[in-house]
Amino acid sequence: MPNPSTTEIELLVVTGAYAVVLVLVVYLTRAGRRRVVGALAGGLAAAVVALLATTVAELNVWWRVPVVQAASGRVVILAGLAISMTPVYLVTWRVARRFGMRGLTVCVGLAAMVGPPRDYAFAAQFPNWMVLSPGMAPVLAVAVTYVLWSALGHGVMRLVAGPADTDTLRRHEAMLPAPSSRASSHALLRSVYGVWPTRVSRSRKRSSSRTESNVGSILSQSASHPERSS
């Protein structure tokens, strides 16, 4: 079996990759600061659930995570799971914001279906990370763990950041167009006249129409009474 320190280094590298994914997901979901903090809190709660589930699984011989035997390994697992689960809750936030409880239920169901194959694939590729026992009991236990992760983590995020539709989406300042000279002139007119340029243009149109009507009336009077004009 590889040295636990080697396993911890591997897990730290994977955690760094998940941190990059987290930054990308924060940008794409346009999550605000409070929502990101709530998602991190949900990820930390999911990590605690994972350590508790691992303890129960070892007692029932469902799976085993060798690295958690050391205190440093538990810290690495805690940090890695917290960071890797945070992007998931940002996605479930946007799903709940768009589709409500039905969308969130679908996400929890997908987690239950994807979780066992994912963990068995990781265990086959990295046996020093996790060892899963054969049979249906470990499969069902992993599925239940993923359901708890999804529901509990999203719930903690909701407690910290509020319901999905309460916060506004963050604006990408880099994607906003630069202010044009026309916008600057509009702001100057508003500061001087106290009105928007559309109002100024409307007042100019009204004054010009009044002038044209006065000129028209004078010309008509001159045409009807030529002796006066002479």
Foldseek 3Di string as FASTA:
>chain_A
DDDLVVVLVVLVVVLVVLLVVLVVLCVVLLDDPQLLVLLLVLQLVLLVLVVVLQVVCVVVVFKHFVNVVDPVSSVSSSSSSSSNRSSVLSVLLVQCQVPNPVSLVVSLVVQLVPQLVVVVVCCVVCVNGMGGDDDCVSSNSRSVSSSCSSVSSNVSSCVRRNHSNPDDRHDDPVPDDDDDPVNVVQVVCCVVVVDGVVVVVVVVVVVVVVVVVVVVVVVVVCVVCVVVVD
